[in-house]
Amino acid sequence: VCQLAGATPSPDAPLPYGRLGSQRALFNLCRTPVPCTRNGEEEWVPAYRAYFGTEWIGEASVEPLVAEGSRFEPTLDLGIPVVLGPERFIANLEQMRALAEAADIKSENEEDQDDEVDVDEDDEQATELDAKERWLAFLTWLGVNRVLRSVHFHDAEDRAKGWISTRGLERPSGWAFQGLGSLWDTYVEQLRSQILRSDHAEHDLYFYRLHDLEHLGRFSDLAAADASCGIATALFSHLARNWGRLERFTEVELALLEPGTQPARRVEPPRADAKELKRFGDDLWLFRLRRASFCPTEHGPRRPELTWWRSSEVDRRFNRRDSTADMFLPVLADAASTPQSEARKFSQAVGVRAELTPAAFSLQDAKALVERIETLYKDSVTELAPDTLRNQINPAYQHLFELLSGSATDKVHSLEETASLRRSRLLVHDGRGHHRFIVASDVLYAPRGGLREIHGLDSELWTFVLEGRPAVSAPLQRLFGARNLDEVLEWQPEPDECPLDADGLAHFREGLRDVAPYLLARLRAERAEEDRAARDAARLRDFIERVEPV
């Protein structure tokens, strides 16, 4: 079949996805059995269910991912069939070369009446690929998978009615969509909300193209459970390396039919017209992946929305002497970022943040960073070295509050968000080289350095480690609930005995009575109301009668 197919196979248009397309006449070829190994035993499996191994496509194969899963969970048995190595195919192709030669024989007396250059006569035509590449192209076209298989709800061997059975966005009957649980309900709910905001809410809605990835649920669960990020790295790398093949399946396609339309009466197989088709956001597998903790970081597996791409801004802020960005932020691991071009496209598609900016930095990120600082230094908090404070902790806190500057002034946050921040713990010091972590709402902030010395405070006073930083004040007080030291200090005089005797005190008060009219006249110049002027006079007389010099 490979030899006779000639130039027909197109690896960019695999047959399993051509049920309703231009290749429908060849669609059933995707069920052609191919020789595979499964759990060490050789067997023949339909092409659309088989996968290429590393002998065919190297590290982009599913085999490294399966091996990492088995390392983490030795009992894992997914039964993934892997096509036998290329050496088993190459010799067979050579044996069938006579078929191709027979197909190309032309009558010696046949004359070409066409003025155009025939394909066989085109000297600039690319030379034939070597046998391995030709088999690779043919098997890919036949349906053998390079990446976790995109399973349409009307899979290759499903006998159901297909898309016409999903009216009203009903769950498809395909096997891959039966064990989704609450994920399916959440997906359909957000899809309906998008449709309600559009002009198509009155149409009859059907799923037309909807996919999940085979084994994705199992691998994403394993990735979230593996704190070493071995599976997360393998899964992310596998999907990123094959992003060019997955990208076509990123959006769900719906058929929007006029009310009363009966698609089952259309010519077999029933198809939707191009004008009836519309794409509405993420396909199911991408929706699932956005909510999975499969991004490898130094902090463990993280959801894409909580992960940062290693940008120049990330390095500028957090890569310092004795510290790296990975210490403080969940940055996508370098091992998962290779090759960089494919990894970057994939990471953006699933929702990894590309740039570290105040607009992208959320209160959830702030809480994670504060908790990370406590995790890193809580065991050594009683003996923090000055270099550690200067090169690691203080810069990390400084960048935290700089990134929160917009959130502290322009955004409105829920009580739940701010309450969570106020329960987090910040580093404080007593001015004598001692440090500890305390709840943020109990923290005092010194708006100027050296306030202890200025006010002569000798008693124990714990304040936030950063002092006199303008960028810190607003977010620290408004979001974390810390208090300004100047606003909470209470000054109470402790007078000595009066140095004057009774005659001296009387003379002192007489002098005050002499200057009182002048003070009242100055106040009266700014107060036109009679009642206020009367109150001023009463208060001043009361003050003169009570005041004592000390």
Protein backbone atom coordinates (compact mmCIF):
# COMPACT_ATOMS: atom_id res chain seq x y z
CA VAL A 1 0.00 0.00 0.00
CA CYS A 2 2.82 2.38 0.84
CA GLN A 3 4.51 1.68 -2.50
CA LEU A 4 1.32 2.06 -4.52
CA ALA A 5 0.30 5.25 -2.66
CA GLY A 6 3.16 7.13 -4.26
CA ALA A 7 2.81 10.87 -3.60
CA THR A 8 -0.76 10.56 -2.28
CA PRO A 9 0.06 10.38 1.47
CA SER A 10 0.07 13.77 3.16
CA PRO A 11 1.44 13.54 6.73
CA ASP A 12 -0.11 16.94 7.47
CA ALA A 13 -3.61 15.57 6.82
CA PRO A 14 -3.90 12.23 8.71
CA LEU A 15 -6.78 10.02 7.59
CA PRO A 16 -8.42 9.58 11.05
CA TYR A 17 -9.50 13.23 10.94
CA GLY A 18 -10.92 13.05 7.42
CA ARG A 19 -14.23 11.31 8.12
CA LEU A 20 -16.23 14.33 6.91
CA GLY A 21 -13.53 15.85 4.73
CA SER A 22 -12.15 15.47 1.24
CA GLN A 23 -10.38 12.19 2.14
CA ARG A 24 -13.53 10.36 3.22
CA ALA A 25 -13.07 7.78 0.46
CA LEU A 26 -9.74 6.79 2.04
CA PHE A 27 -10.84 7.20 5.66
CA ASN A 28 -11.13 3.48 6.41
CA LEU A 29 -7.44 3.00 5.65
CA CYS A 30 -6.71 4.44 9.12
CA ARG A 31 -7.92 1.10 10.50
CA THR A 32 -5.18 -0.77 8.63
CA PRO A 33 -3.27 -2.95 11.13
CA VAL A 34 0.39 -2.16 11.67
CA PRO A 35 2.96 -4.24 13.60
CA CYS A 36 3.54 -2.93 17.13
CA THR A 37 4.90 -3.93 20.50
CA ARG A 38 2.73 -3.58 23.56
CA ASN A 39 4.20 -4.43 26.97
CA GLY A 40 7.03 -6.24 25.21
CA GLU A 41 4.81 -8.42 23.02
CA GLU A 42 4.38 -8.01 19.28
CA GLU A 43 0.87 -7.58 17.89
CA TRP A 44 -0.97 -5.90 15.02
CA VAL A 45 -2.97 -2.79 15.95
CA PRO A 46 -5.09 -0.40 13.85
CA ALA A 47 -2.84 2.41 12.63
CA TYR A 48 -4.87 5.22 14.23
CA ARG A 49 -4.29 3.71 17.71
CA ALA A 50 -0.52 3.15 17.33
CA TYR A 51 2.34 5.48 18.27
CA PHE A 52 5.81 6.12 16.88
CA GLY A 53 8.72 5.24 19.16
CA THR A 54 12.05 6.99 19.65
CA GLU A 55 13.57 4.98 16.79
CA TRP A 56 11.29 6.88 14.46
CA ILE A 57 11.05 10.42 15.86
CA GLY A 58 13.54 10.62 18.74
CA GLU A 59 12.69 12.52 21.95
CA ALA A 60 9.41 13.81 20.48
CA SER A 61 8.03 10.28 20.88
CA VAL A 62 5.64 9.27 23.63
CA GLU A 63 8.13 6.69 24.93
CA PRO A 64 10.12 9.06 27.22
CA LEU A 65 6.82 10.17 28.79
CA VAL A 66 5.69 6.58 29.35
CA ALA A 67 9.10 5.69 30.83
CA GLU A 68 8.91 8.62 33.27
CA GLY A 69 5.39 7.60 34.28
CA SER A 70 6.54 4.04 34.95
CA ARG A 71 9.45 5.35 37.03
CA PHE A 72 7.06 7.25 39.28
CA GLU A 73 4.39 4.54 39.38
CA PRO A 74 5.91 1.10 38.62
CA THR A 75 2.46 -0.49 38.30
CA LEU A 76 1.40 1.92 35.53
CA ASP A 77 0.08 -0.02 32.55
CA LEU A 78 -1.43 2.12 29.80
CA GLY A 79 -0.95 -0.51 27.11
CA ILE A 80 0.31 1.99 24.53
CA PRO A 81 1.15 0.19 21.24
CA VAL A 82 4.43 1.39 19.69
CA VAL A 83 5.17 0.70 16.01
CA LEU A 84 8.12 -1.60 15.39
CA GLY A 85 11.40 0.06 14.45
CA PRO A 86 11.98 1.35 10.90
CA GLU A 87 14.37 -1.49 10.02
CA ARG A 88 11.35 -3.85 9.88
CA PHE A 89 9.73 -1.68 7.19
CA ILE A 90 12.57 -0.49 4.97
CA ALA A 91 13.42 -3.88 3.41
CA ASN A 92 9.75 -4.54 2.59
CA LEU A 93 9.44 -1.30 0.69
CA GLU A 94 12.41 -2.22 -1.47
CA GLN A 95 10.87 -5.60 -2.29
CA MET A 96 7.73 -3.87 -3.60
CA ARG A 97 9.56 -1.39 -5.82
CA ALA A 98 8.46 -3.36 -8.89
CA LEU A 99 4.87 -2.29 -8.20
CA ALA A 100 5.79 1.37 -8.51
CA GLU A 101 7.75 0.72 -11.68
CA ALA A 102 4.81 -1.13 -13.17
CA ALA A 103 2.47 1.72 -12.28
CA ASP A 104 4.77 4.23 -14.03
CA ILE A 105 5.13 2.27 -17.30
CA LYS A 106 3.77 4.20 -20.24
CA SER A 107 3.22 3.19 -23.75
CA GLU A 108 6.23 4.05 -25.88
CA ASN A 109 3.86 5.25 -28.59
CA GLU A 110 1.90 7.55 -26.23
CA GLU A 111 2.51 11.19 -27.00
CA ASP A 112 2.05 13.96 -24.51
CA GLN A 113 -0.40 16.43 -25.99
CA ASP A 114 -0.05 18.82 -23.05
CA ASP A 115 2.44 21.67 -23.43
CA GLU A 116 3.00 21.76 -19.68
CA VAL A 117 5.92 19.98 -18.07
CA ASP A 118 4.91 16.58 -16.71
CA VAL A 119 5.74 15.74 -13.11
CA ASP A 120 7.99 12.92 -14.28
CA GLU A 121 9.87 15.33 -16.53
CA ASP A 122 10.36 18.08 -13.98
CA ASP A 123 14.10 18.27 -13.34
CA GLU A 124 13.52 20.58 -10.36
CA GLN A 125 11.24 18.11 -8.56
CA ALA A 126 12.60 17.17 -5.11
CA THR A 127 14.38 13.83 -5.00
CA GLU A 128 12.52 10.95 -3.33
CA LEU A 129 12.92 10.74 0.42
CA ASP A 130 14.89 7.85 1.78
CA ALA A 131 12.95 4.77 2.74
CA LYS A 132 12.62 5.65 6.42
CA GLU A 133 11.25 9.12 5.72
CA ARG A 134 8.85 7.71 3.17
CA TRP A 135 7.54 5.15 5.64
CA LEU A 136 7.29 7.84 8.30
CA ALA A 137 5.21 10.06 6.01
CA PHE A 138 3.01 7.15 4.94
CA LEU A 139 2.37 5.84 8.45
CA THR A 140 1.65 9.36 9.73
CA TRP A 141 -0.90 9.83 6.96
CA LEU A 142 -2.37 6.44 7.78
CA GLY A 143 -2.93 7.61 11.37
CA VAL A 144 0.04 6.45 13.48
CA ASN A 145 0.46 9.06 16.20
CA ARG A 146 3.50 11.21 16.97
CA VAL A 147 1.87 12.80 20.04
CA LEU A 148 -0.88 11.83 22.51
CA ARG A 149 -3.75 11.09 20.17
CA SER A 150 -6.43 13.71 19.61
CA VAL A 151 -9.59 11.64 20.03
CA HIS A 152 -12.65 13.02 18.23
CA PHE A 153 -15.96 12.18 19.91
CA HIS A 154 -16.80 10.21 16.72
CA ASP A 155 -13.64 8.08 16.79
CA ALA A 156 -12.44 6.00 13.85
CA GLU A 157 -14.30 2.83 14.82
CA ASP A 158 -17.30 4.38 16.58
CA ARG A 159 -20.64 3.42 15.02
CA ALA A 160 -22.67 6.17 16.67
CA LYS A 161 -24.52 8.87 14.75
CA GLY A 162 -21.73 11.39 15.19
CA TRP A 163 -22.33 15.11 15.51
CA ILE A 164 -26.10 15.02 14.95
CA SER A 165 -26.52 13.22 18.29
CA THR A 166 -25.12 16.21 20.26
CA ARG A 167 -28.02 18.64 19.81
CA GLY A 168 -28.13 21.20 22.63
CA LEU A 169 -24.47 20.45 23.41
CA GLU A 170 -25.28 17.05 24.86
CA ARG A 171 -22.34 14.95 25.98
CA PRO A 172 -21.09 12.91 22.97
CA SER A 173 -21.43 9.14 23.21
CA GLY A 174 -17.80 8.50 22.24
CA TRP A 175 -15.80 6.37 24.69
CA ALA A 176 -13.27 9.14 25.42
CA PHE A 177 -15.99 11.44 26.82
CA GLN A 178 -17.67 9.10 29.28
CA GLY A 179 -15.38 9.43 32.31
CA LEU A 180 -14.89 13.20 32.49
CA GLY A 181 -17.06 13.81 35.57
CA SER A 182 -17.47 17.42 36.66
CA LEU A 183 -14.89 18.58 34.10
CA TRP A 184 -17.46 18.13 31.35
CA ASP A 185 -20.11 20.14 33.21
CA THR A 186 -17.65 22.98 33.82
CA TYR A 187 -16.57 22.96 30.19
CA VAL A 188 -20.11 23.11 28.80
CA GLU A 189 -21.10 25.81 31.29
CA GLN A 190 -18.31 28.16 30.17
CA LEU A 191 -19.09 27.33 26.54
CA ARG A 192 -22.73 28.26 26.98
CA SER A 193 -21.75 31.53 28.66
CA GLN A 194 -19.68 32.44 25.59
CA ILE A 195 -22.56 31.61 23.28
CA LEU A 196 -24.99 33.73 25.32
CA ARG A 197 -22.71 36.73 24.79
CA SER A 198 -22.80 36.15 21.02
CA ASP A 199 -25.53 36.44 18.40
CA HIS A 200 -26.06 32.68 18.13
CA ALA A 201 -28.00 31.85 21.28
CA GLU A 202 -31.21 31.18 19.28
CA HIS A 203 -29.66 28.52 17.05
CA ASP A 204 -29.74 24.75 17.52
CA LEU A 205 -26.24 23.93 18.76
CA TYR A 206 -24.24 20.80 17.93
CA PHE A 207 -20.67 19.76 18.59
CA TYR A 208 -18.95 19.27 15.23
CA ARG A 209 -15.26 18.98 16.11
CA LEU A 210 -14.38 18.27 19.74
CA HIS A 211 -11.32 16.40 20.99
CA ASP A 212 -9.67 15.05 24.08
CA LEU A 213 -6.11 13.70 24.22
CA GLU A 214 -5.74 10.00 24.86
CA HIS A 215 -4.19 9.31 28.30
CA LEU A 216 -4.00 13.05 29.08
CA GLY A 217 -6.07 12.74 32.25
CA ARG A 218 -3.85 9.96 33.62
CA PHE A 219 -0.59 11.71 32.80
CA SER A 220 -1.74 15.09 34.16
CA ASP A 221 -2.81 13.47 37.44
CA LEU A 222 0.57 11.74 37.73
CA ALA A 223 2.37 15.00 36.92
CA ALA A 224 0.52 16.84 39.70
CA ALA A 225 1.43 14.11 42.20
CA ASP A 226 5.13 13.95 41.28
CA ALA A 227 6.87 16.60 43.40
CA SER A 228 10.15 16.00 41.56
CA CYS A 229 8.51 17.30 38.34
CA GLY A 230 9.91 14.39 36.34
CA ILE A 231 6.54 13.55 34.77
CA ALA A 232 5.59 17.23 34.43
CA THR A 233 8.81 17.90 32.52
CA ALA A 234 8.29 14.89 30.25
CA LEU A 235 4.61 15.75 29.60
CA PHE A 236 5.26 19.44 28.94
CA SER A 237 8.21 18.65 26.65
CA HIS A 238 6.27 16.00 24.74
CA LEU A 239 3.37 18.34 24.03
CA ALA A 240 5.63 21.31 23.24
CA ARG A 241 7.80 19.35 20.79
CA ASN A 242 4.66 18.28 18.93
CA TRP A 243 2.80 21.58 19.19
CA GLY A 244 2.78 21.95 15.40
CA ARG A 245 0.52 18.88 15.20
CA LEU A 246 -1.69 19.77 18.15
CA GLU A 247 -2.26 23.40 17.19
CA ARG A 248 -4.95 22.51 14.66
CA PHE A 249 -7.07 21.03 17.47
CA THR A 250 -7.03 23.98 19.86
CA GLU A 251 -10.55 25.29 19.17
CA VAL A 252 -13.90 23.58 19.47
CA GLU A 253 -16.09 23.83 16.37
CA LEU A 254 -19.86 24.01 16.68
CA ALA A 255 -22.59 23.60 14.10
CA LEU A 256 -25.14 26.40 14.44
CA LEU A 257 -28.33 25.36 12.71
CA GLU A 258 -31.51 27.33 12.27
CA PRO A 259 -34.28 26.17 14.64
CA GLY A 260 -36.24 23.30 13.10
CA THR A 261 -33.42 22.09 10.87
CA GLN A 262 -33.19 18.29 10.69
CA PRO A 263 -29.58 17.39 9.81
CA ALA A 264 -30.35 13.65 9.86
CA ARG A 265 -32.24 14.09 6.58
CA ARG A 266 -29.19 15.37 4.75
CA VAL A 267 -27.26 13.25 2.27
CA GLU A 268 -25.18 10.56 3.95
CA PRO A 269 -22.95 11.25 5.72
CA PRO A 270 -24.72 14.36 7.01
CA ARG A 271 -22.43 17.38 7.01
CA ALA A 272 -22.81 20.96 8.20
CA ASP A 273 -22.34 23.74 5.66
CA ALA A 274 -19.31 25.97 6.06
CA LYS A 275 -21.58 28.92 6.89
CA GLU A 276 -23.13 26.89 9.73
CA LEU A 277 -19.79 26.21 11.44
CA LYS A 278 -18.23 28.48 14.03
CA ARG A 279 -15.35 28.13 16.48
CA PHE A 280 -15.94 28.95 20.15
CA GLY A 281 -12.83 29.01 22.31
CA ASP A 282 -10.73 26.18 23.70
CA ASP A 283 -11.15 22.58 22.65
CA LEU A 284 -11.86 20.21 25.55
CA TRP A 285 -8.30 18.89 25.91
CA LEU A 286 -6.84 22.41 26.03
CA PHE A 287 -9.49 23.48 28.55
CA ARG A 288 -8.47 20.49 30.69
CA LEU A 289 -4.76 21.22 30.32
CA ARG A 290 -5.14 24.87 31.38
CA ARG A 291 -6.47 23.62 34.72
CA ALA A 292 -3.89 20.90 35.29
CA SER A 293 -0.78 21.22 37.46
CA PHE A 294 1.69 20.02 34.84
CA CYS A 295 4.13 22.94 34.43
CA PRO A 296 7.50 21.96 35.97
CA THR A 297 9.06 24.54 38.30
CA GLU A 298 11.48 24.55 41.22
CA HIS A 299 8.40 24.89 43.46
CA GLY A 300 6.84 21.70 42.10
CA PRO A 301 4.17 21.20 39.40
CA ARG A 302 2.06 24.32 38.87
CA ARG A 303 -0.97 25.29 36.81
CA PRO A 304 -0.09 27.37 33.71
CA GLU A 305 -1.84 30.45 35.10
CA LEU A 306 0.46 30.33 38.14
CA THR A 307 3.67 29.83 36.13
CA TRP A 308 6.03 32.40 34.61
CA TRP A 309 8.07 32.13 31.43
CA ARG A 310 11.75 32.87 32.03
CA SER A 311 11.75 36.38 30.54
CA SER A 312 14.39 39.09 30.75
CA GLU A 313 12.27 40.94 33.33
CA VAL A 314 12.13 37.87 35.57
CA ASP A 315 15.92 37.57 35.43
CA ARG A 316 16.45 41.31 35.95
CA ARG A 317 14.38 41.42 39.11
CA PHE A 318 15.27 38.15 40.79
CA ASN A 319 18.58 36.91 39.41
CA ARG A 320 21.07 38.44 41.84
CA ARG A 321 24.20 37.42 43.62
CA ASP A 322 23.56 34.30 45.70
CA SER A 323 19.98 33.95 44.42
CA THR A 324 18.02 33.04 41.27
CA ALA A 325 14.52 33.67 39.98
CA ASP A 326 13.66 29.99 40.55
CA MET A 327 14.17 30.48 44.30
CA PHE A 328 11.29 32.93 44.57
CA LEU A 329 9.01 32.49 41.53
CA PRO A 330 7.45 29.41 39.87
CA VAL A 331 9.39 29.82 36.62
CA LEU A 332 9.03 27.20 33.90
CA ALA A 333 11.99 24.83 34.16
CA ASP A 334 14.70 25.08 31.50
CA ALA A 335 14.38 21.36 30.77
CA ALA A 336 10.79 21.93 29.58
CA SER A 337 11.70 25.04 27.56
CA THR A 338 13.68 23.23 24.85
CA PRO A 339 13.44 23.72 21.94
CA GLN A 340 12.59 27.25 22.92
CA SER A 341 10.49 28.32 19.93
CA GLU A 342 8.05 25.40 20.21
CA ALA A 343 7.99 25.56 24.01
CA ARG A 344 7.19 29.27 23.98
CA LYS A 345 4.29 28.87 21.56
CA PHE A 346 2.87 25.98 23.56
CA SER A 347 3.31 27.74 26.90
CA GLN A 348 1.44 30.81 25.65
CA ALA A 349 -1.37 28.62 24.30
CA VAL A 350 -1.95 26.94 27.67
CA GLY A 351 -1.71 30.20 29.62
CA VAL A 352 1.82 30.47 31.05
CA ARG A 353 2.49 34.17 31.75
CA ALA A 354 5.02 35.52 29.23
CA GLU A 355 6.05 38.75 30.98
CA LEU A 356 6.39 39.72 34.64
CA THR A 357 4.53 43.03 34.96
CA PRO A 358 2.40 44.72 37.65
CA ALA A 359 -0.65 44.14 35.46
CA ALA A 360 0.00 40.38 35.32
CA PHE A 361 1.06 40.02 38.96
CA SER A 362 -1.94 39.06 41.09
CA LEU A 363 -2.66 38.86 44.80
CA GLN A 364 -2.42 35.09 44.47
CA ASP A 365 1.12 35.55 43.13
CA ALA A 366 1.90 37.87 46.03
CA LYS A 367 0.72 35.34 48.60
CA ALA A 368 2.74 32.59 46.89
CA LEU A 369 5.90 34.74 46.97
CA VAL A 370 5.44 35.68 50.64
CA GLU A 371 4.92 32.04 51.56
CA ARG A 372 7.96 31.08 49.50
CA ILE A 373 10.17 33.53 51.40
CA GLU A 374 8.97 32.10 54.71
CA THR A 375 9.59 28.54 53.48
CA LEU A 376 13.13 29.37 52.40
CA TYR A 377 14.23 31.15 55.59
CA LYS A 378 12.03 30.06 58.48
CA ASP A 379 14.53 27.45 59.68
CA SER A 380 17.39 29.96 59.80
CA VAL A 381 15.42 33.04 60.83
CA THR A 382 17.16 33.32 64.21
CA GLU A 383 20.57 33.62 62.56
CA LEU A 384 20.07 35.43 59.26
CA ALA A 385 23.34 36.74 57.84
CA PRO A 386 23.51 40.39 56.70
CA ASP A 387 24.44 39.23 53.17
CA THR A 388 21.32 37.06 53.02
CA LEU A 389 19.15 40.01 53.94
CA ARG A 390 20.91 42.39 51.60
CA ASN A 391 21.17 40.14 48.53
CA GLN A 392 18.13 37.88 48.80
CA ILE A 393 15.31 38.74 51.22
CA ASN A 394 15.20 42.53 51.01
CA PRO A 395 15.34 42.64 47.16
CA ALA A 396 12.63 39.96 46.94
CA TYR A 397 10.31 41.96 49.22
CA GLN A 398 11.13 45.17 47.34
CA HIS A 399 10.15 43.65 43.98
CA LEU A 400 7.04 42.15 45.53
CA PHE A 401 5.72 45.55 46.56
CA GLU A 402 6.78 47.21 43.31
CA LEU A 403 4.77 44.62 41.38
CA LEU A 404 1.79 45.23 43.70
CA SER A 405 1.84 48.99 43.21
CA GLY A 406 -1.09 48.96 40.77
CA SER A 407 -3.12 46.51 42.86
CA ALA A 408 -2.80 48.74 45.91
CA THR A 409 -4.21 51.84 44.21
CA ASP A 410 -6.22 51.03 41.07
CA LYS A 411 -7.89 47.66 41.61
CA VAL A 412 -10.78 46.57 43.77
CA HIS A 413 -10.19 43.23 45.47
CA SER A 414 -12.54 40.85 47.22
CA LEU A 415 -12.47 40.55 51.00
CA GLU A 416 -11.42 36.92 50.61
CA GLU A 417 -8.32 37.90 48.62
CA THR A 418 -7.14 40.57 51.02
CA ALA A 419 -8.00 38.45 54.08
CA SER A 420 -5.76 35.72 52.73
CA LEU A 421 -2.87 38.18 52.37
CA ARG A 422 -3.39 39.54 55.88
CA ARG A 423 -3.09 36.03 57.28
CA SER A 424 0.26 35.48 55.58
CA ARG A 425 3.51 35.97 57.51
CA LEU A 426 6.16 38.65 56.94
CA LEU A 427 9.70 39.05 58.26
CA VAL A 428 10.23 41.63 61.02
CA HIS A 429 13.25 42.70 63.10
CA ASP A 430 13.81 44.40 66.45
CA GLY A 431 16.69 46.68 65.42
CA ARG A 432 19.19 44.55 67.34
CA GLY A 433 19.82 41.88 64.69
CA HIS A 434 16.97 39.56 65.69
CA HIS A 435 14.33 38.43 63.18
CA ARG A 436 11.12 36.43 63.11
CA PHE A 437 8.01 35.87 60.96
CA ILE A 438 4.68 37.21 62.21
CA VAL A 439 1.16 37.58 60.79
CA ALA A 440 1.00 40.45 58.29
CA SER A 441 -1.89 42.26 60.01
CA ASP A 442 0.25 42.55 63.17
CA VAL A 443 3.24 44.07 61.35
CA LEU A 444 4.41 47.64 62.03
CA TYR A 445 6.05 49.60 59.21
CA ALA A 446 8.64 52.31 59.87
CA PRO A 447 8.21 54.98 57.16
CA ARG A 448 11.69 56.33 57.90
CA GLY A 449 14.89 54.59 58.79
CA GLY A 450 16.30 55.10 62.30
CA LEU A 451 12.95 55.84 63.98
CA ARG A 452 14.03 53.95 67.08
CA GLU A 453 16.97 56.30 67.56
CA ILE A 454 14.97 59.42 66.66
CA HIS A 455 12.28 58.66 69.23
CA GLY A 456 14.65 57.14 71.74
CA LEU A 457 12.77 53.85 71.86
CA ASP A 458 14.66 51.42 74.05
CA SER A 459 11.87 48.88 74.60
CA GLU A 460 11.31 45.86 72.32
CA LEU A 461 9.77 46.99 69.03
CA TRP A 462 9.43 44.71 65.97
CA THR A 463 9.03 46.36 62.56
CA PHE A 464 9.05 45.16 58.95
CA VAL A 465 12.53 44.48 57.57
CA LEU A 466 12.19 47.16 54.87
CA GLU A 467 12.10 50.70 56.25
CA GLY A 468 11.69 54.03 54.52
CA ARG A 469 10.78 52.56 51.09
CA PRO A 470 8.08 54.64 49.33
CA ALA A 471 7.01 51.73 47.07
CA VAL A 472 6.39 49.53 50.12
CA SER A 473 4.09 51.71 52.18
CA ALA A 474 0.82 51.61 50.20
CA PRO A 475 0.57 47.88 49.34
CA LEU A 476 1.93 46.83 52.75
CA GLN A 477 -0.78 48.78 54.58
CA ARG A 478 -3.73 48.48 52.19
CA LEU A 479 -3.32 44.87 51.10
CA PHE A 480 -1.48 43.20 53.97
CA GLY A 481 -3.09 45.25 56.75
CA ALA A 482 0.20 46.43 58.31
CA ARG A 483 0.17 49.63 60.38
CA ASN A 484 2.31 52.73 60.10
CA LEU A 485 4.53 53.13 63.17
CA ASP A 486 4.00 56.91 63.29
CA GLU A 487 0.25 56.41 63.46
CA VAL A 488 0.20 53.87 66.27
CA LEU A 489 2.76 55.42 68.66
CA GLU A 490 1.09 57.09 71.65
CA TRP A 491 3.02 59.77 73.57
CA GLN A 492 2.12 60.28 77.23
CA PRO A 493 4.01 62.84 79.34
CA GLU A 494 5.46 61.80 82.70
CA PRO A 495 5.81 65.19 84.49
CA ASP A 496 8.00 65.84 87.54
CA GLU A 497 6.90 68.01 90.52
CA CYS A 498 6.18 71.66 89.83
CA PRO A 499 9.30 73.76 90.65
CA LEU A 500 7.20 76.85 91.65
CA ASP A 501 5.65 77.56 95.02
CA ALA A 502 2.12 78.92 95.36
CA ASP A 503 3.19 82.58 94.86
CA GLY A 504 5.32 81.68 91.85
CA LEU A 505 2.55 79.64 90.27
CA ALA A 506 0.08 82.52 90.78
CA HIS A 507 2.55 84.94 89.14
CA PHE A 508 3.00 82.50 86.21
CA ARG A 509 -0.74 82.30 85.61
CA GLU A 510 -1.15 86.05 85.88
CA GLY A 511 1.31 86.44 83.04
CA LEU A 512 -0.69 84.05 80.91
CA ARG A 513 -3.85 86.05 81.63
CA ASP A 514 -2.09 89.17 80.38
CA VAL A 515 -1.33 87.62 76.96
CA ALA A 516 -4.67 85.80 76.65
CA PRO A 517 -6.52 88.75 74.96
CA TYR A 518 -3.91 88.87 72.22
CA LEU A 519 -4.27 85.09 71.55
CA LEU A 520 -8.05 85.37 71.49
CA ALA A 521 -7.88 88.34 69.10
CA ARG A 522 -5.69 86.31 66.71
CA LEU A 523 -8.13 83.42 66.81
CA ARG A 524 -11.13 85.75 66.36
CA ALA A 525 -9.64 87.04 63.12
CA GLU A 526 -10.24 83.58 61.63
CA ARG A 527 -13.51 82.77 63.42
CA ALA A 528 -16.52 84.92 62.57
CA GLU A 529 -19.02 82.83 64.55
CA GLU A 530 -19.77 84.10 68.04
CA ASP A 531 -20.29 80.64 69.54
CA ARG A 532 -16.86 79.45 68.38
CA ALA A 533 -15.20 82.57 69.77
CA ALA A 534 -16.91 81.96 73.12
CA ARG A 535 -15.70 78.37 73.19
CA ASP A 536 -12.12 79.50 72.48
CA ALA A 537 -12.22 81.93 75.40
CA ALA A 538 -13.62 79.31 77.77
CA ARG A 539 -11.01 76.75 76.80
CA LEU A 540 -8.16 79.22 77.16
CA ARG A 541 -9.34 80.30 80.66
CA ASP A 542 -9.60 76.63 81.67
CA PHE A 543 -6.10 75.95 80.34
CA ILE A 544 -4.61 78.89 82.28
CA GLU A 545 -6.17 77.68 85.51
CA ARG A 546 -4.89 74.13 85.08
CA VAL A 547 -1.45 74.41 83.49
CA GLU A 548 1.64 73.84 85.61
CA PRO A 549 5.27 74.20 84.52
CA VAL A 550 7.47 71.12 85.18
